[in-house]
Amino acid sequence: MAGPGGGLAQLLASSRSLIINHIDVPKVIPQLVERDIFTSYEIGDILTPLDRRQRAEVFVEILSRKGRSAFEELCFVLEAVQPRLLTTLLIKNAG
């Protein structure tokens, strides 16, 4: 039996490339900061790379350590700012 967050880890692992390739990090960060998901130190780590893909990789890596509630908050933010990405994530992981 998987431990707490085991399903989340599997979901992030299976969706990692989709998120990295499509998330608009600068667009989602402000709302996640408002929701206290990331610290200012983590934001610095996420925004340090100049390359969009590297930013997304750091974003996913930090998010994966945050747990289920952080992922749920990401979904709420995606619903507002990147609904197509959220829909794609849900469809991909529905089966």
N, C-alpha and C. Protein backbone atom coordinates (compact mmCIF):
# COMPACT_ATOMS: atom_id res chain seq x y z
N MET A 1 0.84 -1.18 0.00
CA MET A 1 0.00 0.00 0.00
C MET A 1 0.88 1.24 0.00
N ALA A 2 0.53 2.22 -0.81
CA ALA A 2 1.31 3.45 -0.90
C ALA A 2 1.07 4.31 0.32
N GLY A 3 2.09 5.01 0.71
CA GLY A 3 1.99 5.92 1.84
C GLY A 3 1.25 7.18 1.45
N PRO A 4 1.07 8.09 2.42
CA PRO A 4 0.41 9.35 2.10
C PRO A 4 1.18 10.07 1.01
N GLY A 5 0.47 10.56 0.04
CA GLY A 5 1.11 11.26 -1.06
C GLY A 5 1.65 10.34 -2.13
N GLY A 6 1.53 9.01 -1.94
CA GLY A 6 2.03 8.06 -2.92
C GLY A 6 1.37 8.25 -4.27
N GLY A 7 0.07 8.46 -4.27
CA GLY A 7 -0.65 8.73 -5.51
C GLY A 7 -0.21 10.04 -6.13
N LEU A 8 0.08 11.01 -5.29
CA LEU A 8 0.55 12.30 -5.78
C LEU A 8 1.90 12.16 -6.45
N ALA A 9 2.80 11.41 -5.84
CA ALA A 9 4.12 11.20 -6.43
C ALA A 9 3.99 10.53 -7.79
N GLN A 10 3.11 9.57 -7.89
CA GLN A 10 2.88 8.88 -9.17
C GLN A 10 2.29 9.83 -10.19
N LEU A 11 1.33 10.66 -9.76
CA LEU A 11 0.71 11.63 -10.66
C LEU A 11 1.75 12.62 -11.18
N LEU A 12 2.58 13.16 -10.28
CA LEU A 12 3.61 14.10 -10.71
C LEU A 12 4.63 13.43 -11.62
N ALA A 13 4.99 12.20 -11.31
CA ALA A 13 5.96 11.49 -12.15
C ALA A 13 5.41 11.27 -13.55
N SER A 14 4.15 10.88 -13.63
CA SER A 14 3.57 10.60 -14.94
C SER A 14 3.25 11.88 -15.71
N SER A 15 3.13 13.00 -15.02
CA SER A 15 2.78 14.27 -15.65
C SER A 15 3.96 15.23 -15.75
N ARG A 16 5.10 14.80 -15.26
CA ARG A 16 6.27 15.69 -15.18
C ARG A 16 6.59 16.36 -16.52
N SER A 17 6.73 15.58 -17.58
CA SER A 17 7.11 16.17 -18.87
C SER A 17 6.02 17.09 -19.40
N LEU A 18 4.77 16.73 -19.20
CA LEU A 18 3.66 17.58 -19.64
C LEU A 18 3.71 18.93 -18.92
N ILE A 19 3.89 18.90 -17.60
CA ILE A 19 3.95 20.13 -16.83
C ILE A 19 5.17 20.96 -17.25
N ILE A 20 6.32 20.32 -17.34
CA ILE A 20 7.54 21.04 -17.69
C ILE A 20 7.43 21.69 -19.07
N ASN A 21 6.83 20.99 -20.01
CA ASN A 21 6.73 21.51 -21.37
C ASN A 21 5.68 22.60 -21.55
N HIS A 22 4.70 22.68 -20.64
CA HIS A 22 3.57 23.58 -20.89
C HIS A 22 3.28 24.62 -19.81
N ILE A 23 3.83 24.45 -18.63
CA ILE A 23 3.48 25.41 -17.58
C ILE A 23 4.15 26.76 -17.82
N ASP A 24 3.42 27.80 -17.55
CA ASP A 24 3.94 29.16 -17.63
C ASP A 24 4.26 29.59 -16.20
N VAL A 25 5.49 29.30 -15.78
CA VAL A 25 5.89 29.50 -14.39
C VAL A 25 5.65 30.94 -13.92
N PRO A 26 6.08 31.97 -14.68
CA PRO A 26 5.84 33.33 -14.20
C PRO A 26 4.36 33.68 -14.03
N LYS A 27 3.51 32.98 -14.75
CA LYS A 27 2.08 33.22 -14.66
C LYS A 27 1.45 32.59 -13.42
N VAL A 28 1.95 31.41 -13.00
CA VAL A 28 1.35 30.72 -11.85
C VAL A 28 1.99 31.09 -10.52
N ILE A 29 3.25 31.51 -10.55
CA ILE A 29 3.97 31.81 -9.31
C ILE A 29 3.26 32.83 -8.41
N PRO A 30 2.82 33.98 -8.94
CA PRO A 30 2.22 34.97 -8.03
C PRO A 30 1.05 34.43 -7.21
N GLN A 31 0.19 33.64 -7.85
CA GLN A 31 -0.96 33.10 -7.12
C GLN A 31 -0.55 32.03 -6.11
N LEU A 32 0.48 31.28 -6.43
CA LEU A 32 0.95 30.26 -5.48
C LEU A 32 1.66 30.91 -4.30
N VAL A 33 2.30 32.04 -4.52
CA VAL A 33 2.91 32.79 -3.41
C VAL A 33 1.80 33.34 -2.51
N GLU A 34 0.75 33.89 -3.10
CA GLU A 34 -0.39 34.39 -2.33
C GLU A 34 -1.01 33.29 -1.47
N ARG A 35 -0.94 32.06 -1.94
CA ARG A 35 -1.51 30.92 -1.22
C ARG A 35 -0.50 30.26 -0.28
N ASP A 36 0.65 30.90 -0.11
CA ASP A 36 1.72 30.42 0.79
C ASP A 36 2.24 29.03 0.43
N ILE A 37 2.31 28.73 -0.85
CA ILE A 37 2.83 27.45 -1.29
C ILE A 37 4.35 27.47 -1.40
N PHE A 38 4.90 28.59 -1.85
CA PHE A 38 6.34 28.73 -2.00
C PHE A 38 6.87 29.85 -1.12
N THR A 39 8.06 29.65 -0.59
CA THR A 39 8.74 30.69 0.18
C THR A 39 9.49 31.60 -0.78
N SER A 40 9.93 32.75 -0.30
CA SER A 40 10.69 33.66 -1.16
C SER A 40 12.01 33.02 -1.59
N TYR A 41 12.59 32.20 -0.73
CA TYR A 41 13.82 31.49 -1.07
C TYR A 41 13.57 30.52 -2.24
N GLU A 42 12.45 29.79 -2.17
CA GLU A 42 12.11 28.85 -3.24
C GLU A 42 11.82 29.58 -4.54
N ILE A 43 11.15 30.72 -4.45
CA ILE A 43 10.88 31.52 -5.65
C ILE A 43 12.19 31.94 -6.30
N GLY A 44 13.16 32.34 -5.49
CA GLY A 44 14.48 32.67 -6.02
C GLY A 44 15.09 31.50 -6.76
N ASP A 45 15.00 30.31 -6.18
CA ASP A 45 15.53 29.11 -6.83
C ASP A 45 14.81 28.82 -8.15
N ILE A 46 13.50 29.02 -8.15
CA ILE A 46 12.71 28.74 -9.35
C ILE A 46 13.01 29.74 -10.46
N LEU A 47 13.14 31.00 -10.10
CA LEU A 47 13.30 32.04 -11.12
C LEU A 47 14.75 32.32 -11.52
N THR A 48 15.71 31.70 -10.83
CA THR A 48 17.12 31.93 -11.16
C THR A 48 17.49 31.48 -12.57
N PRO A 49 17.11 30.27 -13.00
CA PRO A 49 17.48 29.88 -14.36
C PRO A 49 16.83 30.80 -15.39
N LEU A 50 17.58 31.17 -16.41
CA LEU A 50 17.04 32.02 -17.46
C LEU A 50 16.22 31.23 -18.47
N ASP A 51 16.50 29.95 -18.57
CA ASP A 51 15.81 29.07 -19.51
C ASP A 51 14.45 28.66 -18.96
N ARG A 52 13.40 28.80 -19.77
CA ARG A 52 12.04 28.47 -19.36
C ARG A 52 11.92 27.02 -18.89
N ARG A 53 12.54 26.12 -19.61
CA ARG A 53 12.44 24.70 -19.26
C ARG A 53 13.11 24.42 -17.91
N GLN A 54 14.27 25.01 -17.67
CA GLN A 54 14.95 24.81 -16.40
C GLN A 54 14.12 25.36 -15.24
N ARG A 55 13.48 26.51 -15.46
CA ARG A 55 12.59 27.06 -14.43
C ARG A 55 11.48 26.07 -14.11
N ALA A 56 10.90 25.51 -15.16
CA ALA A 56 9.80 24.56 -14.97
C ALA A 56 10.28 23.31 -14.25
N GLU A 57 11.47 22.84 -14.55
CA GLU A 57 12.02 21.66 -13.88
C GLU A 57 12.23 21.92 -12.39
N VAL A 58 12.78 23.08 -12.05
CA VAL A 58 12.97 23.43 -10.64
C VAL A 58 11.61 23.57 -9.95
N PHE A 59 10.65 24.19 -10.64
CA PHE A 59 9.29 24.36 -10.11
C PHE A 59 8.69 23.00 -9.74
N VAL A 60 8.76 22.05 -10.67
CA VAL A 60 8.18 20.72 -10.43
C VAL A 60 8.92 20.00 -9.31
N GLU A 61 10.23 20.12 -9.28
CA GLU A 61 11.02 19.48 -8.23
C GLU A 61 10.61 19.99 -6.84
N ILE A 62 10.50 21.29 -6.70
CA ILE A 62 10.11 21.87 -5.40
C ILE A 62 8.67 21.51 -5.07
N LEU A 63 7.79 21.62 -6.05
CA LEU A 63 6.38 21.28 -5.83
C LEU A 63 6.22 19.83 -5.38
N SER A 64 7.01 18.93 -5.94
CA SER A 64 6.89 17.51 -5.60
C SER A 64 7.20 17.23 -4.13
N ARG A 65 7.92 18.12 -3.48
CA ARG A 65 8.23 17.95 -2.06
C ARG A 65 7.19 18.59 -1.15
N LYS A 66 6.22 19.27 -1.72
CA LYS A 66 5.26 20.04 -0.94
C LYS A 66 4.03 19.25 -0.48
N GLY A 67 3.72 18.17 -1.13
CA GLY A 67 2.58 17.38 -0.71
C GLY A 67 1.30 17.67 -1.48
N ARG A 68 0.28 16.93 -1.10
CA ARG A 68 -1.00 16.96 -1.81
C ARG A 68 -1.65 18.34 -1.82
N SER A 69 -1.66 19.04 -0.70
CA SER A 69 -2.35 20.34 -0.66
C SER A 69 -1.71 21.33 -1.62
N ALA A 70 -0.39 21.29 -1.77
CA ALA A 70 0.27 22.19 -2.72
C ALA A 70 -0.12 21.85 -4.16
N PHE A 71 -0.21 20.55 -4.46
CA PHE A 71 -0.63 20.16 -5.80
C PHE A 71 -2.07 20.57 -6.06
N GLU A 72 -2.92 20.44 -5.05
CA GLU A 72 -4.31 20.88 -5.21
C GLU A 72 -4.39 22.38 -5.46
N GLU A 73 -3.57 23.15 -4.74
CA GLU A 73 -3.53 24.60 -4.97
C GLU A 73 -3.05 24.91 -6.38
N LEU A 74 -2.06 24.15 -6.87
CA LEU A 74 -1.62 24.33 -8.24
C LEU A 74 -2.77 24.11 -9.21
N CYS A 75 -3.57 23.10 -8.96
CA CYS A 75 -4.72 22.82 -9.83
C CYS A 75 -5.72 23.98 -9.83
N PHE A 76 -5.97 24.57 -8.66
CA PHE A 76 -6.87 25.73 -8.58
C PHE A 76 -6.29 26.90 -9.38
N VAL A 77 -4.99 27.11 -9.27
CA VAL A 77 -4.34 28.19 -10.01
C VAL A 77 -4.40 27.92 -11.51
N LEU A 78 -4.10 26.68 -11.90
CA LEU A 78 -4.17 26.34 -13.32
C LEU A 78 -5.57 26.53 -13.87
N GLU A 79 -6.56 26.24 -13.07
CA GLU A 79 -7.95 26.44 -13.52
C GLU A 79 -8.17 27.90 -13.91
N ALA A 80 -7.54 28.81 -13.19
CA ALA A 80 -7.71 30.24 -13.46
C ALA A 80 -6.80 30.75 -14.58
N VAL A 81 -5.55 30.29 -14.62
CA VAL A 81 -4.59 30.91 -15.54
C VAL A 81 -4.16 30.04 -16.71
N GLN A 82 -4.27 28.73 -16.58
CA GLN A 82 -3.93 27.81 -17.67
C GLN A 82 -4.91 26.64 -17.69
N PRO A 83 -6.18 26.93 -17.95
CA PRO A 83 -7.19 25.86 -17.88
C PRO A 83 -6.95 24.72 -18.86
N ARG A 84 -6.37 25.01 -20.00
CA ARG A 84 -6.11 23.94 -20.98
C ARG A 84 -5.10 22.94 -20.42
N LEU A 85 -4.08 23.43 -19.74
CA LEU A 85 -3.09 22.54 -19.13
C LEU A 85 -3.75 21.69 -18.05
N LEU A 86 -4.59 22.28 -17.22
CA LEU A 86 -5.29 21.51 -16.19
C LEU A 86 -6.15 20.43 -16.82
N THR A 87 -6.89 20.77 -17.85
CA THR A 87 -7.73 19.78 -18.53
C THR A 87 -6.89 18.64 -19.09
N THR A 88 -5.78 18.97 -19.70
CA THR A 88 -4.90 17.95 -20.27
C THR A 88 -4.35 17.03 -19.17
N LEU A 89 -3.96 17.62 -18.03
CA LEU A 89 -3.49 16.82 -16.90
C LEU A 89 -4.56 15.86 -16.41
N LEU A 90 -5.77 16.36 -16.28
CA LEU A 90 -6.86 15.53 -15.77
C LEU A 90 -7.21 14.41 -16.74
N ILE A 91 -7.25 14.71 -18.02
CA ILE A 91 -7.57 13.69 -19.01
C ILE A 91 -6.46 12.63 -19.05
N LYS A 92 -5.22 13.08 -19.04
CA LYS A 92 -4.08 12.16 -19.10
C LYS A 92 -4.08 11.19 -17.92
N ASN A 93 -4.52 11.66 -16.78
CA ASN A 93 -4.44 10.84 -15.56
C ASN A 93 -5.78 10.23 -15.15
N ALA A 94 -6.78 10.36 -16.01
CA ALA A 94 -8.09 9.81 -15.67
C ALA A 94 -8.14 8.30 -15.79
N GLY A 95 -7.31 7.74 -16.63
CA GLY A 95 -7.40 6.31 -16.90
C GLY A 95 -6.47 5.47 -16.15
